[in-house]
Every structure is written in C-alpha cells, then in structure tokens.
Amino acid sequence: DLFPFQEIAIKTMFKRDYILGVWSRGLSKSFSTAVFAFLHAIFQPGAKIAIISRSFRQSREIFKRIEEIAEKPEGAFLAECFSSAIRHNNDEWSMKIGTSEIKALPLGDGEKLRGFRFNCLIIDELLLMPEKVMNEVLLPFLAGNADPKKRQDTYDEETEFIKQGLMTEADRTRFPNPKMIGLSSASYTFEHLYKIYEEYIAKIRSGKQREADGTEKDLDGSYAVLQFAYAIAPTQLYSASLIAKSRAEMSAAQFKREFGAQFTDDSSSFYSAKAML
C-alpha cells in the first residue's frame, strides 16, 4: 500500500527522463525509489539500473528496500520475478529481474566506474556527489541506448515504410530515453545541488535548454522536480515529538533544509558556511 504522495513520485519517475527529488528527511524516498526500481525492471525488459551514492553503505539502502519488499508475504510475486540469486559482493550488489538488472555500486573516486553503461541511473544523496564526478563519470553512463540493434533495425524499417507512404514521421516508434533520478535533502543556495535545481526548474518552465554557445533549442528529454516537505506526510508517517525536537534543537535554516525541503543561504549562520568549504 502506498500513500498518495508516493504514488505521485513513482508515476513521475516513470513519465519523466530526468528527475530531481528534494525530500524531507525520513519521508521514505528510499522506499519509494525502490518500488519504482523494481517496477521499471519489470515493465522495461532488458533495463540496466544503477544505484550509486557517495558511500557504498548508502547506495545499498535502496537495494535493501527491494529485498525487504520481496521477502514479505505481499512481495511473493516480486520474488518470483528474480531470474537468478541476488549477489552481495564486496564492491557490487546485483539482482536480476527477468532480463533486467539492478546494481548497487560504490562511487569511490569514480575511476573504477568508468566503462559501465546503464539506461537508468539513481543517485542517492546527490548533494554529496562532486560536480566533476557527476559530469565526467556518472552522466556518461547514460550514453548508450538500450537494445541499440533493435532500435536501428526499427528505424531502418520505418524509414522504408515512410518512403513508400505507408506511415509518417509522426508514426515512428518511440523508444524510452535514458533516465536519471537524483535524490537529496535541500542544501545551501551556493552549492551545486541548487544549481541543478534551478536548471531543472528553468527547463520545465521554458521547454528549452541552453547550448554551450549560448543558443537555445527544444529540450532533449523531459524534466521533473519532486520537492516534498515533511508537512505533506500523513500524520502517522512522522513522529510529532521528533519534529518538535528537531525544530527546537536545529536552527531555523537547518530545519528548513532538512525537513522543509527548502534551499537556504548561509546568512543565518554566525560563520559563513560558504567560506568554510
């Protein structure tokens, strides 16, 4: 059973190519993403899904949620979808669901991950991911399309049909684009996560993307931002005493970031957080 906000999040992950999830602490982002991951593996046969975080411990959290769901009586049908034994190696956890595969991998310095190719990338704790590693190591994971031979054969066949007047360009088969899901709590506005947030919001509003030469063109892919504060949670999901305790012990800005899913500047701090980084 899912709460309505979880259903919204999972449906959005299916419908958009690039998703940024800025969630309150404890709002079940790992569980919700785990549900998406195994459903995506089932409904997109041959999918290659990677779960990556700054630490291997964190990248395993979403993976473990899938295992926990499959181990419950309600997860019996999911367990039957596993096509081989789940592997827990020192540097990689993996499971196969039908012809799809889900891997949890450690980031390290990023060098050991070069050469991997996935068509769905889930990055947990995106705030902690260095910008250089993000651009030079992780995003290239998505360079290859799933089943390129089938895509090329379909394209060539449909091109011939168009020449014969049997179909139009608008009738071409639409294959799914690579997908990236970034998850995090909110950050300071001077950090890289806020830059990504602003970029996504701008693309959603304009439907355009800016090229390196300054020109704009229609978006490649679709974007979404899921910004969920603790206040949207059903009353039984959070402990009221925990919220009250956190509000009392944290600064107002810290509470906004951790539980309100709001980006803040560092003006409320005695020392400049930006200067200390």
Protein backbone atom coordinates (compact mmCIF):
# COMPACT_ATOMS: atom_id res chain seq x y z
CA ASP A 1 0.00 0.00 0.00
CA LEU A 2 1.29 3.45 -0.95
CA PHE A 3 0.46 6.93 0.29
CA PRO A 4 -0.80 9.33 -2.42
CA PHE A 5 2.44 11.36 -2.44
CA GLN A 6 4.40 8.12 -3.00
CA GLU A 7 2.18 7.23 -5.96
CA ILE A 8 2.76 10.71 -7.42
CA ALA A 9 6.53 10.32 -7.03
CA ILE A 10 6.65 6.86 -8.61
CA LYS A 11 4.42 7.84 -11.55
CA THR A 12 6.59 10.91 -12.13
CA MET A 13 9.71 8.73 -12.20
CA PHE A 14 8.08 6.69 -14.97
CA LYS A 15 6.87 9.66 -17.00
CA ARG A 16 9.98 11.88 -16.95
CA ASP A 17 13.57 11.28 -18.03
CA TYR A 18 15.42 13.48 -15.54
CA ILE A 19 14.02 13.73 -12.03
CA LEU A 20 15.36 15.68 -9.07
CA GLY A 21 13.87 14.62 -5.74
CA VAL A 22 14.40 17.10 -2.88
CA TRP A 23 12.76 15.33 0.05
CA SER A 24 12.46 15.91 3.76
CA ARG A 25 14.45 13.57 5.97
CA GLY A 26 12.51 10.40 6.80
CA LEU A 27 9.93 10.86 4.06
CA SER A 28 10.50 7.37 2.57
CA LYS A 29 12.47 8.41 -0.51
CA SER A 30 14.49 5.16 -0.41
CA PHE A 31 11.34 3.02 -0.18
CA SER A 32 9.50 4.94 -2.92
CA THR A 33 12.50 4.78 -5.25
CA ALA A 34 12.92 1.06 -4.54
CA VAL A 35 9.31 0.46 -5.66
CA PHE A 36 9.98 2.40 -8.84
CA ALA A 37 13.24 0.50 -9.49
CA PHE A 38 11.73 -2.99 -9.43
CA LEU A 39 8.63 -1.90 -11.38
CA HIS A 40 10.85 -0.28 -14.02
CA ALA A 41 12.87 -3.51 -14.23
CA ILE A 42 9.66 -5.49 -14.79
CA PHE A 43 7.96 -3.18 -17.30
CA GLN A 44 11.13 -2.33 -19.27
CA PRO A 45 12.66 -5.74 -20.05
CA GLY A 46 16.41 -5.51 -20.50
CA ALA A 47 16.73 -2.39 -18.35
CA LYS A 48 20.10 -1.79 -16.71
CA ILE A 49 19.61 0.16 -13.49
CA ALA A 50 22.43 1.53 -11.32
CA ILE A 51 22.07 2.80 -7.76
CA ILE A 52 25.05 4.94 -6.75
CA SER A 53 25.89 7.12 -3.78
CA ARG A 54 28.99 8.68 -2.27
CA SER A 55 29.30 5.70 0.10
CA PHE A 56 28.61 2.06 -0.70
CA ARG A 57 26.55 1.83 2.51
CA GLN A 58 24.15 4.48 1.24
CA SER A 59 23.89 3.07 -2.29
CA ARG A 60 22.87 -0.28 -0.77
CA GLU A 61 19.90 1.26 1.10
CA ILE A 62 17.53 1.36 -1.89
CA PHE A 63 18.72 -2.09 -2.96
CA LYS A 64 17.96 -3.47 0.52
CA ARG A 65 14.45 -1.99 0.38
CA ILE A 66 13.73 -4.07 -2.74
CA GLU A 67 14.95 -7.20 -0.96
CA GLU A 68 12.82 -6.41 2.09
CA ILE A 69 9.70 -5.99 -0.05
CA ALA A 70 10.36 -9.31 -1.85
CA GLU A 71 10.84 -11.14 1.46
CA LYS A 72 7.39 -10.17 2.77
CA PRO A 73 4.32 -12.32 2.06
CA GLU A 74 2.88 -9.43 0.00
CA GLY A 75 6.03 -9.48 -2.15
CA ALA A 76 5.69 -13.10 -3.27
CA PHE A 77 5.03 -12.17 -6.92
CA LEU A 78 8.08 -9.88 -6.95
CA ALA A 79 10.26 -12.66 -5.55
CA GLU A 80 9.12 -14.92 -8.39
CA CYS A 81 10.41 -12.34 -10.89
CA PHE A 82 14.03 -12.81 -9.78
CA SER A 83 15.76 -14.78 -12.54
CA SER A 84 18.88 -15.63 -10.50
CA ALA A 85 20.21 -15.42 -6.96
CA ILE A 86 20.87 -11.96 -5.54
CA ARG A 87 24.61 -11.29 -5.25
CA HIS A 88 26.25 -9.38 -2.40
CA ASN A 89 29.88 -8.88 -3.41
CA ASN A 90 32.31 -6.58 -1.62
CA ASP A 91 32.22 -3.94 -4.35
CA GLU A 92 28.88 -4.62 -6.03
CA TRP A 93 25.39 -5.83 -5.15
CA SER A 94 23.24 -7.03 -8.04
CA MET A 95 19.90 -8.67 -8.78
CA LYS A 96 18.27 -9.81 -11.99
CA ILE A 97 14.56 -9.34 -12.53
CA GLY A 98 13.61 -11.13 -15.72
CA THR A 99 16.09 -9.82 -18.30
CA SER A 100 16.66 -6.57 -16.37
CA GLU A 101 19.45 -5.96 -13.87
CA ILE A 102 19.76 -3.68 -10.84
CA LYS A 103 23.20 -2.93 -9.38
CA ALA A 104 24.24 -1.00 -6.27
CA LEU A 105 27.77 0.33 -6.69
CA PRO A 106 30.22 2.33 -4.57
CA LEU A 107 31.39 5.63 -6.01
CA GLY A 108 34.92 5.76 -4.62
CA ASP A 109 36.86 8.29 -6.68
CA GLY A 110 34.78 7.40 -9.72
CA GLU A 111 37.64 5.82 -11.64
CA LYS A 112 36.54 2.21 -11.11
CA LEU A 113 33.12 3.02 -12.58
CA ARG A 114 34.37 4.18 -15.96
CA GLY A 115 33.19 1.89 -18.73
CA PHE A 116 29.87 0.93 -17.15
CA ARG A 117 26.75 1.61 -19.20
CA PHE A 118 23.25 1.88 -17.78
CA ASN A 119 19.95 3.26 -19.08
CA CYS A 120 18.58 4.20 -15.65
CA LEU A 121 20.80 5.90 -13.08
CA ILE A 122 19.65 6.50 -9.49
CA ILE A 123 21.94 8.78 -7.47
CA ASP A 124 21.21 8.87 -3.75
CA GLU A 125 22.46 11.80 -1.62
CA LEU A 126 23.11 13.85 -4.75
CA LEU A 127 24.20 16.75 -2.55
CA LEU A 128 27.39 14.84 -1.65
CA MET A 129 28.25 13.94 -5.25
CA PRO A 130 31.19 16.02 -6.58
CA GLU A 131 30.26 18.02 -9.68
CA LYS A 132 33.34 16.77 -11.56
CA VAL A 133 32.48 13.11 -10.92
CA MET A 134 28.85 13.77 -11.83
CA ASN A 135 29.73 15.28 -15.22
CA GLU A 136 32.75 13.18 -16.18
CA VAL A 137 31.87 9.74 -14.80
CA LEU A 138 28.17 9.33 -13.98
CA LEU A 139 26.36 11.10 -16.80
CA PRO A 140 28.36 9.19 -19.46
CA PHE A 141 26.78 6.02 -18.00
CA LEU A 142 23.65 7.02 -19.91
CA ALA A 143 25.37 7.44 -23.27
CA GLY A 144 24.25 4.09 -24.66
CA ASN A 145 20.64 3.31 -25.54
CA ALA A 146 19.05 0.05 -24.50
CA ASP A 147 18.94 -2.57 -27.30
CA PRO A 148 20.59 -0.38 -29.98
CA LYS A 149 20.36 -3.11 -32.66
CA LYS A 150 16.58 -3.31 -32.29
CA ARG A 151 16.37 0.49 -32.43
CA GLN A 152 18.43 0.67 -35.61
CA ASP A 153 16.50 -2.15 -37.31
CA THR A 154 13.20 -0.50 -36.38
CA TYR A 155 14.42 2.89 -37.61
CA ASP A 156 15.58 1.46 -40.97
CA GLU A 157 12.36 -0.48 -41.44
CA GLU A 158 10.16 2.50 -40.62
CA THR A 159 12.24 4.76 -42.88
CA GLU A 160 11.43 2.41 -45.78
CA PHE A 161 7.73 2.45 -44.84
CA ILE A 162 7.77 6.27 -44.84
CA LYS A 163 9.35 6.30 -48.32
CA GLN A 164 6.55 4.03 -49.53
CA GLY A 165 3.92 6.30 -47.96
CA LEU A 166 2.77 3.61 -45.55
CA MET A 167 3.47 5.73 -42.45
CA THR A 168 4.62 9.24 -41.48
CA GLU A 169 7.44 10.57 -39.28
CA ALA A 170 4.90 11.15 -36.50
CA ASP A 171 4.12 7.41 -36.50
CA ARG A 172 7.67 6.31 -35.68
CA THR A 173 8.18 4.02 -32.69
CA ARG A 174 9.06 5.98 -29.54
CA PHE A 175 11.72 4.19 -27.55
CA PRO A 176 12.29 5.24 -23.92
CA ASN A 177 15.08 7.72 -23.25
CA PRO A 178 17.79 7.05 -20.64
CA LYS A 179 16.61 8.06 -17.17
CA MET A 180 18.40 9.75 -14.27
CA ILE A 181 16.94 10.19 -10.78
CA GLY A 182 18.80 12.32 -8.25
CA LEU A 183 17.71 12.22 -4.58
CA SER A 184 18.73 14.52 -1.75
CA SER A 185 17.68 16.77 1.07
CA ALA A 186 17.94 20.51 0.36
CA SER A 187 21.25 22.39 0.51
CA TYR A 188 22.66 25.89 0.71
CA THR A 189 21.97 28.00 -2.36
CA PHE A 190 25.70 28.29 -3.17
CA GLU A 191 26.11 24.51 -3.51
CA HIS A 192 25.99 22.52 -6.72
CA LEU A 193 22.66 20.88 -5.92
CA TYR A 194 20.89 24.25 -6.02
CA LYS A 195 22.43 24.91 -9.43
CA ILE A 196 20.90 21.65 -10.69
CA TYR A 197 17.57 22.57 -9.08
CA GLU A 198 17.46 25.96 -10.79
CA GLU A 199 18.46 24.41 -14.12
CA TYR A 200 15.63 21.86 -13.93
CA ILE A 201 13.06 24.49 -12.96
CA ALA A 202 14.15 26.74 -15.84
CA LYS A 203 13.89 23.89 -18.35
CA ILE A 204 10.46 22.86 -17.11
CA ARG A 205 9.16 26.42 -17.38
CA SER A 206 10.68 27.29 -20.77
CA GLY A 207 10.76 23.93 -22.53
CA LYS A 208 14.21 24.97 -23.82
CA GLN A 209 17.81 24.18 -22.98
CA ARG A 210 20.84 26.38 -23.42
CA GLU A 211 23.76 25.10 -25.51
CA ALA A 212 27.45 25.77 -24.84
CA ASP A 213 27.47 28.54 -27.48
CA GLY A 214 24.61 30.35 -25.74
CA THR A 215 21.88 29.36 -28.20
CA GLU A 216 18.66 27.70 -27.07
CA LYS A 217 16.90 24.65 -28.51
CA ASP A 218 14.00 22.38 -27.62
CA LEU A 219 14.63 20.07 -24.69
CA ASP A 220 16.27 16.69 -25.16
CA GLY A 221 14.19 14.62 -22.76
CA SER A 222 11.73 15.66 -20.08
CA TYR A 223 12.35 17.01 -16.56
CA ALA A 224 10.63 16.98 -13.17
CA VAL A 225 11.33 18.25 -9.66
CA LEU A 226 9.76 16.48 -6.67
CA GLN A 227 10.09 18.85 -3.71
CA PHE A 228 8.46 17.23 -0.67
CA ALA A 229 8.46 18.79 2.80
CA TYR A 230 7.53 16.88 5.97
CA ALA A 231 4.20 18.74 6.07
CA ILE A 232 2.82 16.69 3.15
CA ALA A 233 3.28 13.43 5.06
CA PRO A 234 0.27 11.64 6.55
CA THR A 235 0.10 12.17 10.32
CA GLN A 236 1.20 8.62 11.13
CA LEU A 237 4.34 8.68 8.99
CA TYR A 238 6.28 11.06 11.23
CA SER A 239 6.70 11.19 14.97
CA ALA A 240 5.27 14.52 16.14
CA SER A 241 7.73 14.52 19.03
CA LEU A 242 10.68 14.11 16.63
CA ILE A 243 9.54 17.08 14.55
CA ALA A 244 9.08 19.19 17.68
CA LYS A 245 12.51 18.14 19.00
CA SER A 246 14.23 18.83 15.67
CA ARG A 247 12.56 22.23 15.37
CA ALA A 248 13.71 23.14 18.88
CA GLU A 249 17.30 21.96 18.50
CA MET A 250 18.05 22.96 14.91
CA SER A 251 18.49 26.47 13.59
CA ALA A 252 15.56 27.74 11.53
CA ALA A 253 17.62 27.47 8.33
CA GLN A 254 18.78 23.94 9.12
CA PHE A 255 15.22 22.81 9.86
CA LYS A 256 14.07 24.29 6.53
CA ARG A 257 16.75 22.33 4.68
CA GLU A 258 16.41 19.01 6.50
CA PHE A 259 12.63 18.86 6.94
CA GLY A 260 11.17 21.68 4.86
CA ALA A 261 12.95 20.72 1.60
CA GLN A 262 13.85 24.41 1.18
CA PHE A 263 17.18 25.76 -0.04
CA THR A 264 18.68 28.46 2.19
CA ASP A 265 21.61 30.85 2.04
CA ASP A 266 24.19 30.94 4.85
CA SER A 267 23.27 34.37 6.20
CA SER A 268 21.67 32.84 9.31
CA SER A 269 24.97 31.30 10.44
CA PHE A 270 27.48 33.08 12.68
CA TYR A 271 30.27 31.88 10.40
CA SER A 272 29.93 31.74 6.61
CA ALA A 273 29.36 28.13 5.56
CA LYS A 274 30.45 29.04 2.04
CA ALA A 275 33.78 30.39 3.28
CA MET A 276 34.47 27.25 5.33
CA LEU A 277 34.03 24.89 2.37
